[in-house]
């Protein structure tokens, strides 16, 4: 028996501007042109990330630490696009971007990685925020600088998208009810500590929800990831709660299936972007027909490989590398990945 359903508010919080009221200067430039067909459209907030090599410890005041790696990559919701693209999916991103130097670098990096940028929404006179990720002690600390964009984001152009990876917020999202795409929702850390359950009202229009264990327990007021997953499964068909090095829990509320899988330990860890890599891999593999258990295990493997830098710093392995890793570690998803590999052009 599941606990009683979560009470989800139906009204938008006061003070937030609906997407339809956003300034016209931020409207998608491609509004009158049919966009490319894509397997995965990432919708949310974009950053430029600065990634460093794993540090021996946190820096202290007055100390300078040197590491052998520093890398610029598009961050935030772009992690979904990059990971899905590495696995052979056609990807695009819908996010606000400025016209300053940070934005220009970020756009170029996205285009170089094969991500369609035609749905980026230009905000003149603004520039993207920069996030520095400092990895140590198996986790990382983040520092983000620069002014955040003001007002609610305009509705994204979701035409031609098979699936959508969406970073949820409290604002109204009327376009959700109008898309035929399969929507997979993610959330971020709530620095206010409020964990407003009004955000969960959006799950009624979603196929899946992908919080981590801390987020899931905070939004449900529970004290275990499994209990939180069961509570959330009352709101959405597929609930997946990630648990870092402990793997993930998945529940299909339509069939009643509950699955728990572990995550392989693959080496020194920089977890920056690993959660988004998990989400992208899960979406791509589910869209290609893998069962929930195989998809969860393979997604955990992709996230662990990204965290360990096995395909390069800040990089997700391609499908062939992922299948080889599954075979090496004797994972149950190996057969499903190898079968998929034979069916995917350019990935064998």
C-alpha atoms as a PDB file:
ATOM      1  CA  UNK A   1       0.000   0.000   0.000  1.00  0.00           C
ATOM      2  CA  UNK A   2       1.260   3.457  -0.870  1.00  0.00           C
ATOM      3  CA  UNK A   3       0.912   6.340   1.590  1.00  0.00           C
ATOM      4  CA  UNK A   4      -1.812   8.867   0.805  1.00  0.00           C
ATOM      5  CA  UNK A   5      -1.194  10.986  -2.347  1.00  0.00           C
ATOM      6  CA  UNK A   6       0.741  14.225  -2.078  1.00  0.00           C
ATOM      7  CA  UNK A   7      -1.378  17.355  -1.948  1.00  0.00           C
ATOM      8  CA  UNK A   8      -0.229  19.354  -4.967  1.00  0.00           C
ATOM      9  CA  UNK A   9      -1.289  22.989  -5.304  1.00  0.00           C
ATOM     10  CA  UNK A  10      -2.914  23.851  -8.612  1.00  0.00           C
ATOM     11  CA  UNK A  11      -2.223  27.584  -8.671  1.00  0.00           C
ATOM     12  CA  UNK A  12       1.076  29.197  -9.627  1.00  0.00           C
ATOM     13  CA  UNK A  13       2.936  30.906  -6.765  1.00  0.00           C
ATOM     14  CA  UNK A  14       2.373  34.628  -6.484  1.00  0.00           C
ATOM     15  CA  UNK A  15       4.921  36.914  -8.086  1.00  0.00           C
ATOM     16  CA  UNK A  16       5.899  34.669 -10.982  1.00  0.00           C
ATOM     17  CA  UNK A  17       5.220  35.779 -14.547  1.00  0.00           C
ATOM     18  CA  UNK A  18       3.623  33.214 -16.888  1.00  0.00           C
ATOM     19  CA  UNK A  19       5.780  32.266 -19.854  1.00  0.00           C
ATOM     20  CA  UNK A  20       3.268  33.827 -22.228  1.00  0.00           C
ATOM     21  CA  UNK A  21       3.928  37.228 -20.622  1.00  0.00           C
ATOM     22  CA  UNK A  22       7.705  37.130 -21.105  1.00  0.00           C
ATOM     23  CA  UNK A  23       9.283  39.980 -23.099  1.00  0.00           C
ATOM     24  CA  UNK A  24       9.018  39.497 -26.847  1.00  0.00           C
ATOM     25  CA  UNK A  25      12.728  40.217 -27.176  1.00  0.00           C
ATOM     26  CA  UNK A  26      13.375  36.732 -25.808  1.00  0.00           C
ATOM     27  CA  UNK A  27      11.024  34.933 -28.213  1.00  0.00           C
ATOM     28  CA  UNK A  28      12.491  32.016 -30.206  1.00  0.00           C
ATOM     29  CA  UNK A  29      13.951  33.193 -33.502  1.00  0.00           C
ATOM     30  CA  UNK A  30      12.718  29.974 -35.138  1.00  0.00           C
ATOM     31  CA  UNK A  31       9.032  30.575 -34.323  1.00  0.00           C
ATOM     32  CA  UNK A  32       8.012  30.723 -37.996  1.00  0.00           C
ATOM     33  CA  UNK A  33      10.332  27.943 -39.232  1.00  0.00           C
ATOM     34  CA  UNK A  34       9.655  24.254 -38.632  1.00  0.00           C
ATOM     35  CA  UNK A  35      12.581  23.082 -36.476  1.00  0.00           C
ATOM     36  CA  UNK A  36      14.555  19.899 -36.991  1.00  0.00           C
ATOM     37  CA  UNK A  37      13.157  16.582 -35.809  1.00  0.00           C
ATOM     38  CA  UNK A  38      15.058  15.582 -32.665  1.00  0.00           C
ATOM     39  CA  UNK A  39      15.088  12.596 -30.343  1.00  0.00           C
ATOM     40  CA  UNK A  40      15.670  14.682 -27.209  1.00  0.00           C
ATOM     41  CA  UNK A  41      15.037  18.366 -26.549  1.00  0.00           C
ATOM     42  CA  UNK A  42      16.573  19.728 -23.343  1.00  0.00           C
ATOM     43  CA  UNK A  43      14.554  22.571 -21.770  1.00  0.00           C
ATOM     44  CA  UNK A  44      15.831  24.549 -18.798  1.00  0.00           C
ATOM     45  CA  UNK A  45      18.608  26.871 -17.661  1.00  0.00           C
ATOM     46  CA  UNK A  46      21.963  27.016 -19.403  1.00  0.00           C
ATOM     47  CA  UNK A  47      25.350  27.790 -17.825  1.00  0.00           C
ATOM     48  CA  UNK A  48      28.997  27.660 -18.806  1.00  0.00           C
ATOM     49  CA  UNK A  49      30.783  25.227 -16.491  1.00  0.00           C
ATOM     50  CA  UNK A  50      34.452  25.308 -15.525  1.00  0.00           C
ATOM     51  CA  UNK A  51      35.546  21.790 -14.553  1.00  0.00           C
ATOM     52  CA  UNK A  52      38.750  21.057 -12.661  1.00  0.00           C
ATOM     53  CA  UNK A  53      40.569  17.823 -11.951  1.00  0.00           C
ATOM     54  CA  UNK A  54      39.856  16.044  -8.664  1.00  0.00           C
ATOM     55  CA  UNK A  55      41.342  18.051  -5.781  1.00  0.00           C
ATOM     56  CA  UNK A  56      43.066  16.509  -2.726  1.00  0.00           C
ATOM     57  CA  UNK A  57      40.873  18.588  -0.412  1.00  0.00           C
ATOM     58  CA  UNK A  58      38.806  21.752  -0.316  1.00  0.00           C
ATOM     59  CA  UNK A  59      40.819  24.949  -0.716  1.00  0.00           C
ATOM     60  CA  UNK A  60      41.266  26.983   2.437  1.00  0.00           C
ATOM     61  CA  UNK A  61      41.482  30.811   2.737  1.00  0.00           C
ATOM     62  CA  UNK A  62      44.712  32.083   1.253  1.00  0.00           C
ATOM     63  CA  UNK A  63      45.557  28.752  -0.371  1.00  0.00           C
ATOM     64  CA  UNK A  64      46.058  28.100  -4.085  1.00  0.00           C
ATOM     65  CA  UNK A  65      45.561  24.537  -5.345  1.00  0.00           C
ATOM     66  CA  UNK A  66      46.864  23.350  -8.694  1.00  0.00           C
ATOM     67  CA  UNK A  67      45.277  20.590 -10.737  1.00  0.00           C
ATOM     68  CA  UNK A  68      46.254  19.083 -14.070  1.00  0.00           C
ATOM     69  CA  UNK A  69      42.888  19.757 -15.694  1.00  0.00           C
ATOM     70  CA  UNK A  70      40.647  22.694 -16.447  1.00  0.00           C
ATOM     71  CA  UNK A  71      37.874  22.488 -19.025  1.00  0.00           C
ATOM     72  CA  UNK A  72      35.001  24.620 -20.288  1.00  0.00           C
ATOM     73  CA  UNK A  73      31.740  22.807 -21.108  1.00  0.00           C
ATOM     74  CA  UNK A  74      28.112  23.918 -21.489  1.00  0.00           C
ATOM     75  CA  UNK A  75      26.392  23.157 -18.186  1.00  0.00           C
ATOM     76  CA  UNK A  76      22.962  23.040 -16.607  1.00  0.00           C
ATOM     77  CA  UNK A  77      20.364  21.529 -18.911  1.00  0.00           C
ATOM     78  CA  UNK A  78      23.040  21.233 -21.644  1.00  0.00           C
ATOM     79  CA  UNK A  79      24.408  18.176 -19.829  1.00  0.00           C
ATOM     80  CA  UNK A  80      21.318  16.287 -20.996  1.00  0.00           C
ATOM     81  CA  UNK A  81      21.957  17.275 -24.615  1.00  0.00           C
ATOM     82  CA  UNK A  82      25.638  16.349 -24.524  1.00  0.00           C
ATOM     83  CA  UNK A  83      25.044  12.947 -22.922  1.00  0.00           C
ATOM     84  CA  UNK A  84      22.195  12.050 -25.274  1.00  0.00           C
ATOM     85  CA  UNK A  85      24.261  13.124 -28.285  1.00  0.00           C
ATOM     86  CA  UNK A  86      27.138  10.887 -27.159  1.00  0.00           C
ATOM     87  CA  UNK A  87      24.713   7.939 -27.171  1.00  0.00           C
ATOM     88  CA  UNK A  88      23.691   8.656 -30.753  1.00  0.00           C
ATOM     89  CA  UNK A  89      20.511  10.678 -30.216  1.00  0.00           C
ATOM     90  CA  UNK A  90      19.638  13.756 -32.253  1.00  0.00           C
ATOM     91  CA  UNK A  91      19.522  16.544 -29.691  1.00  0.00           C
ATOM     92  CA  UNK A  92      18.546  20.179 -29.328  1.00  0.00           C
ATOM     93  CA  UNK A  93      18.436  22.697 -26.501  1.00  0.00           C
ATOM     94  CA  UNK A  94      15.838  25.352 -25.608  1.00  0.00           C
ATOM     95  CA  UNK A  95      17.188  27.821 -23.069  1.00  0.00           C
ATOM     96  CA  UNK A  96      17.847  31.521 -22.664  1.00  0.00           C
ATOM     97  CA  UNK A  97      21.223  32.739 -23.855  1.00  0.00           C
ATOM     98  CA  UNK A  98      22.796  36.190 -23.910  1.00  0.00           C
ATOM     99  CA  UNK A  99      24.908  38.065 -26.435  1.00  0.00           C
ATOM    100  CA  UNK A 100      28.076  38.436 -24.350  1.00  0.00           C
ATOM    101  CA  UNK A 101      31.392  36.532 -24.609  1.00  0.00           C
ATOM    102  CA  UNK A 102      30.385  33.704 -22.255  1.00  0.00           C
ATOM    103  CA  UNK A 103      27.254  33.066 -24.304  1.00  0.00           C
ATOM    104  CA  UNK A 104      29.201  33.102 -27.566  1.00  0.00           C
ATOM    105  CA  UNK A 105      31.662  30.513 -26.233  1.00  0.00           C
ATOM    106  CA  UNK A 106      28.839  28.332 -24.939  1.00  0.00           C
ATOM    107  CA  UNK A 107      26.912  28.411 -28.213  1.00  0.00           C
ATOM    108  CA  UNK A 108      30.053  27.463 -30.147  1.00  0.00           C
ATOM    109  CA  UNK A 109      30.774  24.549 -27.797  1.00  0.00           C
ATOM    110  CA  UNK A 110      27.210  23.262 -28.177  1.00  0.00           C
ATOM    111  CA  UNK A 111      27.388  23.434 -31.959  1.00  0.00           C
ATOM    112  CA  UNK A 112      30.786  21.726 -32.007  1.00  0.00           C
ATOM    113  CA  UNK A 113      29.269  18.795 -30.076  1.00  0.00           C
ATOM    114  CA  UNK A 114      26.436  18.390 -32.598  1.00  0.00           C
ATOM    115  CA  UNK A 115      23.644  19.910 -30.495  1.00  0.00           C
ATOM    116  CA  UNK A 116      21.027  21.910 -32.437  1.00  0.00           C
ATOM    117  CA  UNK A 117      21.065  25.478 -31.058  1.00  0.00           C
ATOM    118  CA  UNK A 118      18.343  27.004 -33.232  1.00  0.00           C
ATOM    119  CA  UNK A 119      15.861  26.983 -30.317  1.00  0.00           C
ATOM    120  CA  UNK A 120      18.070  29.040 -28.006  1.00  0.00           C
ATOM    121  CA  UNK A 121      16.217  32.199 -26.914  1.00  0.00           C
ATOM    122  CA  UNK A 122      18.289  35.384 -27.125  1.00  0.00           C
ATOM    123  CA  UNK A 123      18.188  37.884 -24.257  1.00  0.00           C
ATOM    124  CA  UNK A 124      20.007  41.035 -25.515  1.00  0.00           C
ATOM    125  CA  UNK A 125      22.331  42.777 -23.058  1.00  0.00           C
ATOM    126  CA  UNK A 126      22.679  39.732 -20.790  1.00  0.00           C
ATOM    127  CA  UNK A 127      25.293  37.007 -20.491  1.00  0.00           C
ATOM    128  CA  UNK A 128      25.232  33.458 -19.159  1.00  0.00           C
ATOM    129  CA  UNK A 129      26.249  32.655 -15.610  1.00  0.00           C
ATOM    130  CA  UNK A 130      29.500  30.740 -15.063  1.00  0.00           C
ATOM    131  CA  UNK A 131      29.722  27.806 -12.632  1.00  0.00           C
ATOM    132  CA  UNK A 132      33.012  26.497 -11.243  1.00  0.00           C
ATOM    133  CA  UNK A 133      32.909  22.898 -10.017  1.00  0.00           C
ATOM    134  CA  UNK A 134      35.482  21.924  -7.365  1.00  0.00           C
ATOM    135  CA  UNK A 135      35.572  18.115  -6.980  1.00  0.00           C
ATOM    136  CA  UNK A 136      36.987  16.564  -3.809  1.00  0.00           C
ATOM    137  CA  UNK A 137      36.126  13.861  -1.240  1.00  0.00           C
ATOM    138  CA  UNK A 138      33.879  12.058  -3.720  1.00  0.00           C
ATOM    139  CA  UNK A 139      31.606  15.066  -4.255  1.00  0.00           C
ATOM    140  CA  UNK A 140      31.942  18.603  -5.516  1.00  0.00           C
ATOM    141  CA  UNK A 141      31.324  22.181  -4.441  1.00  0.00           C
ATOM    142  CA  UNK A 142      29.844  24.647  -6.914  1.00  0.00           C
ATOM    143  CA  UNK A 143      30.333  28.398  -7.227  1.00  0.00           C
ATOM    144  CA  UNK A 144      28.129  30.266  -9.725  1.00  0.00           C
ATOM    145  CA  UNK A 145      28.739  33.864 -10.717  1.00  0.00           C
ATOM    146  CA  UNK A 146      26.847  36.401 -12.776  1.00  0.00           C
ATOM    147  CA  UNK A 147      23.301  37.794 -12.679  1.00  0.00           C
ATOM    148  CA  UNK A 148      20.470  35.324 -13.216  1.00  0.00           C
ATOM    149  CA  UNK A 149      17.982  36.028 -16.021  1.00  0.00           C
ATOM    150  CA  UNK A 150      14.935  37.938 -14.832  1.00  0.00           C
ATOM    151  CA  UNK A 151      11.296  37.020 -15.358  1.00  0.00           C
ATOM    152  CA  UNK A 152       9.865  33.715 -16.484  1.00  0.00           C
ATOM    153  CA  UNK A 153      11.352  31.991 -19.502  1.00  0.00           C
ATOM    154  CA  UNK A 154       9.280  32.123 -22.696  1.00  0.00           C
ATOM    155  CA  UNK A 155       7.626  28.923 -23.862  1.00  0.00           C
ATOM    156  CA  UNK A 156      10.102  26.711 -25.738  1.00  0.00           C
ATOM    157  CA  UNK A 157       9.614  25.591 -29.311  1.00  0.00           C
ATOM    158  CA  UNK A 158       8.955  21.869 -28.752  1.00  0.00           C
ATOM    159  CA  UNK A 159       7.839  20.981 -32.282  1.00  0.00           C
ATOM    160  CA  UNK A 160       9.461  17.885 -33.735  1.00  0.00           C
ATOM    161  CA  UNK A 161      10.756  16.577 -30.381  1.00  0.00           C
ATOM    162  CA  UNK A 162      10.147  12.914 -29.510  1.00  0.00           C
ATOM    163  CA  UNK A 163      11.179  13.357 -25.875  1.00  0.00           C
ATOM    164  CA  UNK A 164      11.829  16.371 -23.667  1.00  0.00           C
ATOM    165  CA  UNK A 165      14.151  16.644 -20.667  1.00  0.00           C
ATOM    166  CA  UNK A 166      12.726  19.445 -18.541  1.00  0.00           C
ATOM    167  CA  UNK A 167      14.161  21.191 -15.511  1.00  0.00           C
ATOM    168  CA  UNK A 168      11.078  22.001 -13.417  1.00  0.00           C
ATOM    169  CA  UNK A 169      10.413  25.262 -11.602  1.00  0.00           C
ATOM    170  CA  UNK A 170       7.439  26.805  -9.828  1.00  0.00           C
ATOM    171  CA  UNK A 171       6.292  28.914 -12.784  1.00  0.00           C
ATOM    172  CA  UNK A 172       3.311  27.922 -14.928  1.00  0.00           C
ATOM    173  CA  UNK A 173       4.125  25.786 -17.982  1.00  0.00           C
ATOM    174  CA  UNK A 174       0.990  25.847 -20.152  1.00  0.00           C
ATOM    175  CA  UNK A 175       2.876  24.382 -23.124  1.00  0.00           C
ATOM    176  CA  UNK A 176       3.237  21.080 -21.247  1.00  0.00           C
ATOM    177  CA  UNK A 177      -0.399  20.179 -21.878  1.00  0.00           C
ATOM    178  CA  UNK A 178      -0.031  20.953 -25.582  1.00  0.00           C
ATOM    179  CA  UNK A 179       2.957  18.786 -26.536  1.00  0.00           C
ATOM    180  CA  UNK A 180       2.782  15.199 -27.760  1.00  0.00           C
ATOM    181  CA  UNK A 181       6.389  14.577 -26.694  1.00  0.00           C
ATOM    182  CA  UNK A 182       7.269  12.310 -23.796  1.00  0.00           C
ATOM    183  CA  UNK A 183       8.333  14.683 -21.007  1.00  0.00           C
ATOM    184  CA  UNK A 184      10.873  13.660 -18.347  1.00  0.00           C
ATOM    185  CA  UNK A 185      11.195  16.126 -15.470  1.00  0.00           C
ATOM    186  CA  UNK A 186      14.189  16.910 -13.303  1.00  0.00           C
ATOM    187  CA  UNK A 187      14.556  19.306 -10.366  1.00  0.00           C
ATOM    188  CA  UNK A 188      17.405  21.166  -8.709  1.00  0.00           C
ATOM    189  CA  UNK A 189      18.498  21.953  -5.202  1.00  0.00           C
ATOM    190  CA  UNK A 190      16.153  24.339  -3.359  1.00  0.00           C
ATOM    191  CA  UNK A 191      18.502  26.775  -1.613  1.00  0.00           C
ATOM    192  CA  UNK A 192      15.544  28.283   0.276  1.00  0.00           C
ATOM    193  CA  UNK A 193      14.803  24.971   2.000  1.00  0.00           C
ATOM    194  CA  UNK A 194      11.092  25.406   1.207  1.00  0.00           C
ATOM    195  CA  UNK A 195      10.695  22.460  -1.200  1.00  0.00           C
ATOM    196  CA  UNK A 196       7.374  23.858  -2.374  1.00  0.00           C
ATOM    197  CA  UNK A 197       5.139  20.972  -3.499  1.00  0.00           C
ATOM    198  CA  UNK A 198       3.337  23.262  -5.930  1.00  0.00           C
ATOM    199  CA  UNK A 199       6.163  22.347  -8.297  1.00  0.00           C
ATOM    200  CA  UNK A 200       4.886  18.764  -8.393  1.00  0.00           C
ATOM    201  CA  UNK A 201       1.640  19.783 -10.108  1.00  0.00           C
ATOM    202  CA  UNK A 202       3.524  19.649 -13.418  1.00  0.00           C
ATOM    203  CA  UNK A 203       3.989  15.884 -13.099  1.00  0.00           C
ATOM    204  CA  UNK A 204       0.429  15.337 -14.305  1.00  0.00           C
ATOM    205  CA  UNK A 205       1.721  16.140 -17.828  1.00  0.00           C
ATOM    206  CA  UNK A 206       4.951  14.140 -17.555  1.00  0.00           C
ATOM    207  CA  UNK A 207       6.018  10.602 -18.418  1.00  0.00           C
ATOM    208  CA  UNK A 208       8.778  10.453 -15.822  1.00  0.00           C
ATOM    209  CA  UNK A 209      10.294  12.217 -12.812  1.00  0.00           C
ATOM    210  CA  UNK A 210      14.028  11.981 -12.012  1.00  0.00           C
ATOM    211  CA  UNK A 211      14.875  13.514  -8.592  1.00  0.00           C
ATOM    212  CA  UNK A 212      17.800  12.437  -6.455  1.00  0.00           C
ATOM    213  CA  UNK A 213      17.156  10.877  -3.053  1.00  0.00           C
ATOM    214  CA  UNK A 214      17.554  14.110  -1.071  1.00  0.00           C
ATOM    215  CA  UNK A 215      15.166  15.992  -3.376  1.00  0.00           C
ATOM    216  CA  UNK A 216      12.627  13.162  -3.416  1.00  0.00           C
ATOM    217  CA  UNK A 217      12.543  12.887   0.377  1.00  0.00           C
ATOM    218  CA  UNK A 218      12.338  16.669   0.794  1.00  0.00           C
ATOM    219  CA  UNK A 219       9.364  17.021  -1.566  1.00  0.00           C
ATOM    220  CA  UNK A 220       7.495  14.095   0.004  1.00  0.00           C
ATOM    221  CA  UNK A 221       8.393  14.612   3.660  1.00  0.00           C
ATOM    222  CA  UNK A 222       9.632  11.016   3.934  1.00  0.00           C
ATOM    223  CA  UNK A 223      12.763   9.498   5.432  1.00  0.00           C
ATOM    224  CA  UNK A 224      13.779   6.893   2.825  1.00  0.00           C
ATOM    225  CA  UNK A 225      14.331   6.980  -0.945  1.00  0.00           C
ATOM    226  CA  UNK A 226      12.019   4.004  -1.523  1.00  0.00           C
ATOM    227  CA  UNK A 227       9.158   5.527   0.441  1.00  0.00           C
ATOM    228  CA  UNK A 228       9.672   8.813  -1.405  1.00  0.00           C
ATOM    229  CA  UNK A 229       9.639   7.029  -4.771  1.00  0.00           C
ATOM    230  CA  UNK A 230       6.395   5.283  -3.870  1.00  0.00           C
ATOM    231  CA  UNK A 231       4.786   8.562  -2.853  1.00  0.00           C
ATOM    232  CA  UNK A 232       5.863  10.246  -6.080  1.00  0.00           C
ATOM    233  CA  UNK A 233       4.656   7.317  -8.190  1.00  0.00           C
ATOM    234  CA  UNK A 234       1.094   8.397  -7.355  1.00  0.00           C
ATOM    235  CA  UNK A 235       1.729  11.482  -9.505  1.00  0.00           C
ATOM    236  CA  UNK A 236       3.598  10.241 -12.594  1.00  0.00           C
ATOM    237  CA  UNK A 237       3.874   7.009 -14.625  1.00  0.00           C
ATOM    238  CA  UNK A 238       7.646   6.487 -14.165  1.00  0.00           C
ATOM    239  CA  UNK A 239       9.450   7.584 -10.999  1.00  0.00           C
ATOM    240  CA  UNK A 240      13.225   7.221 -10.734  1.00  0.00           C
ATOM    241  CA  UNK A 241      15.101   8.257  -7.588  1.00  0.00           C
ATOM    242  CA  UNK A 242      18.879   8.355  -7.946  1.00  0.00           C
ATOM    243  CA  UNK A 243      21.127   7.570  -4.989  1.00  0.00           C
ATOM    244  CA  UNK A 244      24.596   8.493  -6.214  1.00  0.00           C
ATOM    245  CA  UNK A 245      27.066   5.665  -5.628  1.00  0.00           C
ATOM    246  CA  UNK A 246      24.218   3.500  -4.297  1.00  0.00           C
ATOM    247  CA  UNK A 247      22.448   3.349  -7.673  1.00  0.00           C
ATOM    248  CA  UNK A 248      18.797   4.089  -8.369  1.00  0.00           C
ATOM    249  CA  UNK A 249      15.207   3.080  -7.635  1.00  0.00           C
ATOM    250  CA  UNK A 250      12.619   2.943 -10.409  1.00  0.00           C
ATOM    251  CA  UNK A 251       8.848   2.495 -10.190  1.00  0.00           C
ATOM    252  CA  UNK A 252       6.433   2.028 -13.089  1.00  0.00           C
ATOM    253  CA  UNK A 253       3.055   2.965 -11.595  1.00  0.00           C
ATOM    254  CA  UNK A 254       1.192   1.552 -14.593  1.00  0.00           C
ATOM    255  CA  UNK A 255       2.465  -1.991 -14.051  1.00  0.00           C
ATOM    256  CA  UNK A 256       3.397  -1.788 -10.363  1.00  0.00           C
ATOM    257  CA  UNK A 257       7.010  -2.770 -11.161  1.00  0.00           C
ATOM    258  CA  UNK A 258       9.631  -1.679  -8.603  1.00  0.00           C
ATOM    259  CA  UNK A 259      13.331  -1.994  -9.459  1.00  0.00           C
ATOM    260  CA  UNK A 260      16.515  -1.238  -7.528  1.00  0.00           C
ATOM    261  CA  UNK A 261      19.950  -1.292  -9.179  1.00  0.00           C
ATOM    262  CA  UNK A 262      23.452  -0.493  -7.996  1.00  0.00           C
ATOM    263  CA  UNK A 263      26.118   1.709  -9.558  1.00  0.00           C
ATOM    264  CA  UNK A 264      29.555   0.295 -10.405  1.00  0.00           C
ATOM    265  CA  UNK A 265      32.610   1.923  -8.831  1.00  0.00           C
ATOM    266  CA  UNK A 266      34.810   2.915 -11.773  1.00  0.00           C
ATOM    267  CA  UNK A 267      37.490   5.151 -10.279  1.00  0.00           C
ATOM    268  CA  UNK A 268      38.132   8.644  -8.874  1.00  0.00           C
ATOM    269  CA  UNK A 269      34.916  10.618  -8.914  1.00  0.00           C
ATOM    270  CA  UNK A 270      33.992  14.062 -10.215  1.00  0.00           C
ATOM    271  CA  UNK A 271      30.181  13.901 -10.032  1.00  0.00           C
ATOM    272  CA  UNK A 272      29.601  17.165 -11.925  1.00  0.00           C
ATOM    273  CA  UNK A 273      26.977  16.422 -14.575  1.00  0.00           C
ATOM    274  CA  UNK A 274      26.647  12.758 -13.583  1.00  0.00           C
ATOM    275  CA  UNK A 275      23.003  13.103 -12.550  1.00  0.00           C
ATOM    276  CA  UNK A 276      22.071  14.712 -15.873  1.00  0.00           C
ATOM    277  CA  UNK A 277      24.051  12.025 -17.706  1.00  0.00           C
ATOM    278  CA  UNK A 278      21.991   9.394 -15.880  1.00  0.00           C
ATOM    279  CA  UNK A 279      18.772  11.124 -16.897  1.00  0.00           C
ATOM    280  CA  UNK A 280      19.762  11.508 -20.548  1.00  0.00           C
ATOM    281  CA  UNK A 281      20.886   7.888 -20.818  1.00  0.00           C
ATOM    282  CA  UNK A 282      17.680   6.658 -19.213  1.00  0.00           C
ATOM    283  CA  UNK A 283      15.501   8.689 -21.600  1.00  0.00           C
ATOM    284  CA  UNK A 284      17.429   7.628 -24.707  1.00  0.00           C
ATOM    285  CA  UNK A 285      17.490   3.952 -23.745  1.00  0.00           C
ATOM    286  CA  UNK A 286      13.820   3.870 -22.787  1.00  0.00           C
ATOM    287  CA  UNK A 287      12.924   5.541 -26.085  1.00  0.00           C
ATOM    288  CA  UNK A 288      14.869   2.806 -27.880  1.00  0.00           C
ATOM    289  CA  UNK A 289      12.877   0.060 -26.217  1.00  0.00           C
ATOM    290  CA  UNK A 290      14.963  -1.085 -23.242  1.00  0.00           C
ATOM    291  CA  UNK A 291      13.062  -2.394 -20.226  1.00  0.00           C
ATOM    292  CA  UNK A 292      13.081  -0.320 -17.037  1.00  0.00           C
ATOM    293  CA  UNK A 293      15.646  -2.456 -15.204  1.00  0.00           C
ATOM    294  CA  UNK A 294      18.127  -2.545 -18.099  1.00  0.00           C
ATOM    295  CA  UNK A 295      17.671   1.187 -18.680  1.00  0.00           C
ATOM    296  CA  UNK A 296      18.305   1.996 -15.006  1.00  0.00           C
ATOM    297  CA  UNK A 297      21.419  -0.160 -14.787  1.00  0.00           C
ATOM    298  CA  UNK A 298      22.850   1.196 -18.039  1.00  0.00           C
ATOM    299  CA  UNK A 299      22.075   4.783 -16.985  1.00  0.00           C
ATOM    300  CA  UNK A 300      23.902   4.223 -13.673  1.00  0.00           C
ATOM    301  CA  UNK A 301      26.842   2.864 -15.662  1.00  0.00           C
ATOM    302  CA  UNK A 302      26.847   5.917 -17.962  1.00  0.00           C
ATOM    303  CA  UNK A 303      26.763   8.285 -14.970  1.00  0.00           C
ATOM    304  CA  UNK A 304      29.566   6.417 -13.179  1.00  0.00           C
ATOM    305  CA  UNK A 305      31.689   6.424 -16.334  1.00  0.00           C
ATOM    306  CA  UNK A 306      31.101  10.161 -16.772  1.00  0.00           C
ATOM    307  CA  UNK A 307      32.044  10.793 -13.120  1.00  0.00           C
ATOM    308  CA  UNK A 308      35.226   8.726 -13.495  1.00  0.00           C
ATOM    309  CA  UNK A 309      36.150  10.437 -16.786  1.00  0.00           C
ATOM    310  CA  UNK A 310      36.538   7.126 -18.636  1.00  0.00           C
ATOM    311  CA  UNK A 311      35.659   8.736 -21.992  1.00  0.00           C
ATOM    312  CA  UNK A 312      37.526  11.935 -21.183  1.00  0.00           C
ATOM    313  CA  UNK A 313      36.897  14.783 -18.716  1.00  0.00           C
ATOM    314  CA  UNK A 314      33.240  15.810 -18.591  1.00  0.00           C
ATOM    315  CA  UNK A 315      32.369  13.317 -21.341  1.00  0.00           C
ATOM    316  CA  UNK A 316      29.765  10.552 -21.601  1.00  0.00           C
ATOM    317  CA  UNK A 317      30.835   7.255 -23.240  1.00  0.00           C
ATOM    318  CA  UNK A 318      29.230   6.419 -26.567  1.00  0.00           C
ATOM    319  CA  UNK A 319      27.012   3.362 -26.919  1.00  0.00           C
ATOM    320  CA  UNK A 320      29.853   1.036 -27.974  1.00  0.00           C
ATOM    321  CA  UNK A 321      31.971   2.068 -24.964  1.00  0.00           C
ATOM    322  CA  UNK A 322      28.971   1.692 -22.664  1.00  0.00           C
ATOM    323  CA  UNK A 323      28.259  -1.832 -23.935  1.00  0.00           C
ATOM    324  CA  UNK A 324      31.931  -2.775 -23.481  1.00  0.00           C
ATOM    325  CA  UNK A 325      31.904  -1.483 -19.907  1.00  0.00           C
ATOM    326  CA  UNK A 326      28.724  -3.440 -19.162  1.00  0.00           C
ATOM    327  CA  UNK A 327      30.353  -6.591 -20.521  1.00  0.00           C
ATOM    328  CA  UNK A 328      33.533  -5.959 -18.518  1.00  0.00           C
ATOM    329  CA  UNK A 329      31.592  -5.570 -15.280  1.00  0.00           C
ATOM    330  CA  UNK A 330      29.179  -8.411 -16.090  1.00  0.00           C
ATOM    331  CA  UNK A 331      26.060  -6.303 -15.783  1.00  0.00           C
ATOM    332  CA  UNK A 332      22.644  -7.704 -16.619  1.00  0.00           C
ATOM    333  CA  UNK A 333      22.026  -4.922 -19.145  1.00  0.00           C
ATOM    334  CA  UNK A 334      24.904  -6.123 -21.360  1.00  0.00           C
ATOM    335  CA  UNK A 335      22.790  -8.160 -23.779  1.00  0.00           C
ATOM    336  CA  UNK A 336      20.254  -5.346 -24.216  1.00  0.00           C
ATOM    337  CA  UNK A 337      23.023  -2.800 -24.919  1.00  0.00           C
ATOM    338  CA  UNK A 338      24.795  -5.075 -27.390  1.00  0.00           C
ATOM    339  CA  UNK A 339      21.540  -5.725 -29.227  1.00  0.00           C
ATOM    340  CA  UNK A 340      20.828  -1.999 -29.359  1.00  0.00           C
ATOM    341  CA  UNK A 341      24.365  -1.370 -30.604  1.00  0.00           C
ATOM    342  CA  UNK A 342      23.804  -3.566 -33.662  1.00  0.00           C
ATOM    343  CA  UNK A 343      20.655  -1.583 -34.461  1.00  0.00           C
ATOM    344  CA  UNK A 344      22.192   1.902 -34.108  1.00  0.00           C
ATOM    345  CA  UNK A 345      24.006   3.326 -37.168  1.00  0.00           C
ATOM    346  CA  UNK A 346      27.429   4.822 -36.476  1.00  0.00           C
ATOM    347  CA  UNK A 347      27.677   3.481 -32.910  1.00  0.00           C
ATOM    348  CA  UNK A 348      29.213   0.031 -33.460  1.00  0.00           C
END
